[in-house]
N, C-alpha and C. Protein backbone atom coordinates (compact mmCIF):
# COMPACT_ATOMS: atom_id res chain seq x y z
N MET A 1 -34.12 0.99 -25.86
CA MET A 1 -33.35 1.57 -24.92
C MET A 1 -33.46 3.21 -25.41
N LEU A 2 -33.56 3.90 -24.56
CA LEU A 2 -33.59 5.49 -24.87
C LEU A 2 -32.32 6.26 -24.35
N MET A 3 -31.76 7.03 -25.04
CA MET A 3 -30.50 7.84 -24.62
C MET A 3 -30.88 9.25 -25.01
N LEU A 4 -30.68 10.21 -23.82
CA LEU A 4 -31.28 11.40 -23.65
C LEU A 4 -29.76 12.19 -23.31
N THR A 5 -30.02 13.54 -23.65
CA THR A 5 -28.99 14.69 -23.15
C THR A 5 -30.10 15.48 -22.64
N VAL A 6 -29.93 16.02 -21.23
CA VAL A 6 -31.10 16.31 -20.72
C VAL A 6 -30.40 17.72 -19.87
N PRO A 7 -31.11 18.91 -19.80
CA PRO A 7 -30.50 20.13 -19.14
C PRO A 7 -30.63 19.69 -17.58
N LYS A 8 -29.94 20.42 -16.70
CA LYS A 8 -30.11 20.39 -15.27
C LYS A 8 -31.67 20.67 -14.78
N GLU A 9 -32.12 20.04 -13.85
CA GLU A 9 -33.59 19.99 -13.28
C GLU A 9 -34.43 19.09 -14.41
N GLU A 10 -34.22 18.70 -15.66
CA GLU A 10 -35.26 18.25 -16.56
C GLU A 10 -35.57 17.15 -15.72
N TYR A 11 -36.99 16.62 -16.14
CA TYR A 11 -37.39 15.22 -15.51
C TYR A 11 -37.73 14.31 -16.50
N LEU A 12 -37.97 13.26 -16.27
CA LEU A 12 -38.88 11.94 -17.09
C LEU A 12 -39.70 11.42 -16.13
N MET A 13 -41.20 11.18 -17.06
CA MET A 13 -42.00 10.80 -16.02
C MET A 13 -41.96 9.15 -16.49
N ILE A 14 -41.93 8.06 -15.79
CA ILE A 14 -42.12 6.62 -16.16
C ILE A 14 -43.58 6.38 -15.64
N GLY A 15 -44.66 5.89 -16.64
CA GLY A 15 -46.04 5.79 -16.12
C GLY A 15 -46.50 7.11 -15.43
N LYS A 16 -47.14 6.90 -14.54
CA LYS A 16 -48.06 8.07 -13.76
C LYS A 16 -47.56 8.35 -12.50
N ASP A 17 -46.40 7.43 -11.94
CA ASP A 17 -46.06 7.50 -10.59
C ASP A 17 -44.61 7.75 -10.44
N VAL A 18 -43.72 7.32 -11.46
CA VAL A 18 -42.45 7.47 -11.06
C VAL A 18 -41.83 8.70 -11.94
N LYS A 19 -41.19 9.53 -11.18
CA LYS A 19 -40.59 10.98 -11.63
C LYS A 19 -39.12 10.90 -11.57
N ILE A 20 -38.44 10.94 -12.46
CA ILE A 20 -36.87 10.94 -12.44
C ILE A 20 -36.36 12.50 -12.66
N THR A 21 -35.64 13.12 -11.87
CA THR A 21 -35.07 14.47 -11.91
C THR A 21 -33.65 14.32 -12.13
N PHE A 22 -33.18 15.19 -13.14
CA PHE A 22 -31.65 15.13 -13.38
C PHE A 22 -31.23 16.56 -12.67
N LEU A 23 -30.35 16.28 -11.59
CA LEU A 23 -29.87 17.24 -10.59
C LEU A 23 -28.49 17.80 -11.08
N GLY A 24 -27.83 17.38 -11.99
CA GLY A 24 -26.63 17.87 -12.62
C GLY A 24 -25.55 16.77 -12.20
N GLY A 25 -24.51 17.30 -12.37
CA GLY A 25 -23.26 16.30 -12.03
C GLY A 25 -21.94 16.94 -12.60
N ASN A 26 -20.77 15.82 -12.78
CA ASN A 26 -19.89 16.43 -13.34
C ASN A 26 -19.41 15.10 -14.41
N LYS A 27 -18.28 15.00 -14.79
CA LYS A 27 -17.97 14.33 -15.98
C LYS A 27 -17.90 12.73 -15.70
N ASN A 28 -17.94 12.40 -14.39
CA ASN A 28 -17.88 11.07 -13.83
C ASN A 28 -19.06 10.72 -12.91
N GLN A 29 -20.02 11.55 -12.40
CA GLN A 29 -20.80 11.32 -11.97
C GLN A 29 -22.24 12.13 -12.24
N LEU A 30 -23.39 11.54 -12.08
CA LEU A 30 -24.77 12.21 -12.29
C LEU A 30 -25.62 12.16 -11.18
N ARG A 31 -26.22 13.14 -10.82
CA ARG A 31 -27.08 12.82 -9.50
C ARG A 31 -28.54 13.32 -10.01
N VAL A 32 -29.29 12.32 -9.73
CA VAL A 32 -30.68 11.95 -9.79
C VAL A 32 -31.55 11.92 -8.69
N MET A 33 -32.69 12.41 -8.81
CA MET A 33 -33.78 12.12 -7.81
C MET A 33 -34.94 11.31 -8.37
N ILE A 34 -35.10 10.31 -7.45
CA ILE A 34 -36.26 9.54 -7.79
C ILE A 34 -37.72 9.77 -6.93
N GLU A 35 -38.59 9.99 -7.53
CA GLU A 35 -39.70 10.04 -6.85
C GLU A 35 -40.70 8.97 -7.14
N ALA A 36 -41.05 7.94 -6.21
CA ALA A 36 -41.79 6.91 -6.80
C ALA A 36 -42.62 6.37 -5.46
N PRO A 37 -43.71 5.37 -5.65
CA PRO A 37 -44.30 4.94 -4.61
C PRO A 37 -43.73 3.93 -3.73
N LYS A 38 -43.94 3.75 -2.47
CA LYS A 38 -43.14 2.76 -1.77
C LYS A 38 -43.16 1.46 -2.10
N GLU A 39 -44.38 0.96 -2.96
CA GLU A 39 -44.27 -0.31 -3.78
C GLU A 39 -43.09 -0.55 -4.89
N VAL A 40 -42.95 0.56 -5.34
CA VAL A 40 -41.83 0.37 -6.53
C VAL A 40 -40.50 0.24 -5.64
N ASN A 41 -39.85 -1.01 -6.32
CA ASN A 41 -38.42 -1.33 -5.89
C ASN A 41 -37.40 -0.46 -6.60
N ILE A 42 -36.65 0.18 -5.79
CA ILE A 42 -35.58 0.89 -6.79
C ILE A 42 -34.18 0.48 -6.01
N ALA A 43 -33.41 -0.18 -7.15
CA ALA A 43 -31.99 -0.80 -6.74
C ALA A 43 -31.11 -0.33 -7.50
N ARG A 44 -29.86 -0.02 -7.14
CA ARG A 44 -28.84 0.37 -7.96
C ARG A 44 -28.08 -0.86 -8.60
N GLY A 45 -27.69 -0.61 -9.72
CA GLY A 45 -26.96 -2.04 -10.58
C GLY A 45 -26.09 -2.43 -9.48
N ARG A 46 -25.05 -1.76 -8.96
CA ARG A 46 -24.13 -2.15 -8.26
C ARG A 46 -24.50 -3.04 -6.98
N ALA A 47 -25.43 -2.57 -6.47
CA ALA A 47 -26.12 -3.45 -5.51
C ALA A 47 -26.59 -4.75 -5.94
N ILE A 48 -27.13 -4.84 -6.99
CA ILE A 48 -27.77 -5.95 -7.47
C ILE A 48 -26.68 -6.90 -7.82
N GLN A 49 -25.57 -6.32 -8.45
CA GLN A 49 -24.55 -7.35 -8.82
C GLN A 49 -23.79 -7.96 -7.57
N LYS A 50 -23.69 -7.18 -6.51
CA LYS A 50 -22.98 -7.42 -5.26
C LYS A 50 -23.98 -8.73 -4.49
N ARG A 51 -25.25 -8.57 -4.77
CA ARG A 51 -26.16 -9.53 -4.05
C ARG A 51 -25.96 -10.69 -5.05
N ALA A 52 -25.76 -10.74 -6.54
CA ALA A 52 -25.62 -11.70 -7.06
C ALA A 52 -24.45 -12.84 -6.82
N VAL A 53 -23.48 -11.70 -6.60
CA VAL A 53 -21.97 -12.65 -6.29
C VAL A 53 -21.99 -13.21 -5.08
N LYS A 54 -22.75 -12.66 -3.88
CA LYS A 54 -23.07 -13.21 -2.52
C LYS A 54 -23.90 -14.72 -2.75
N ARG A 55 -25.03 -14.53 -3.58
CA ARG A 55 -25.61 -15.79 -3.74
C ARG A 55 -24.91 -16.89 -4.33
N ALA A 56 -24.26 -16.48 -5.59
CA ALA A 56 -23.42 -17.42 -6.38
C ALA A 56 -22.36 -18.03 -5.27
N ALA A 57 -21.89 -17.54 -4.63
CA ALA A 57 -20.72 -17.71 -3.27
C ALA A 57 -21.51 -18.74 -2.62
N LYS A 58 -22.68 -18.46 -2.02
CA LYS A 58 -23.42 -19.43 -1.04
C LYS A 58 -23.81 -20.46 -1.61
N ALA A 59 -24.25 -20.36 -3.17
CA ALA A 59 -24.67 -21.59 -3.77
C ALA A 59 -23.31 -22.26 -3.97
N ALA A 60 -22.23 -22.15 -4.07
CA ALA A 60 -20.94 -22.80 -4.36
C ALA A 60 -20.37 -23.54 -2.86
N VAL A 61 -20.74 -22.81 -1.96
CA VAL A 61 -20.38 -23.50 -0.62
C VAL A 61 -21.36 -24.58 -0.46
N LYS A 62 -22.57 -24.32 -0.56
CA LYS A 62 -23.80 -25.29 -0.31
C LYS A 62 -23.28 -26.67 -1.36
N ALA A 63 -23.15 -26.55 -2.51
CA ALA A 63 -22.86 -27.47 -3.44
C ALA A 63 -21.81 -28.33 -2.92
N GLU A 64 -20.71 -27.53 -2.36
CA GLU A 64 -19.46 -28.15 -2.06
C GLU A 64 -19.58 -29.14 -0.66
N GLN A 65 -20.48 -28.78 0.19
CA GLN A 65 -21.04 -29.16 1.28
C GLN A 65 -21.55 -30.54 1.02
N GLN A 66 -22.43 -30.44 0.27
CA GLN A 66 -23.53 -31.53 -0.26
C GLN A 66 -22.37 -32.61 -1.09
N GLU A 67 -21.34 -32.45 -1.50
CA GLU A 67 -20.63 -33.43 -2.26
C GLU A 67 -19.71 -34.00 -1.05
N THR A 68 -19.71 -33.49 -0.13
CA THR A 68 -18.76 -34.30 0.87
C THR A 68 -19.54 -35.20 1.88
C-alpha cells in the first residue's frame, strides 16, 4: 500500500497508460481525474459493493426457490 500527501494538480502514473491527477478537495471529499485507455476498467468501491450486495440477494432468492 502506498499513502501519499500530494499538492493540488500533482499526478501519479500507473504503468505507462494510467494517469491520476489530484484536483483538490476539502475535508470530506477529494477530486481526482483518471486518464486511462478504454480497455482499463475503472469502478468506484461503492459501486462494486452495491453490485456484490445485489448478486448475493439474487443468489439467496435463487437458492430459496430451489429449496421449494
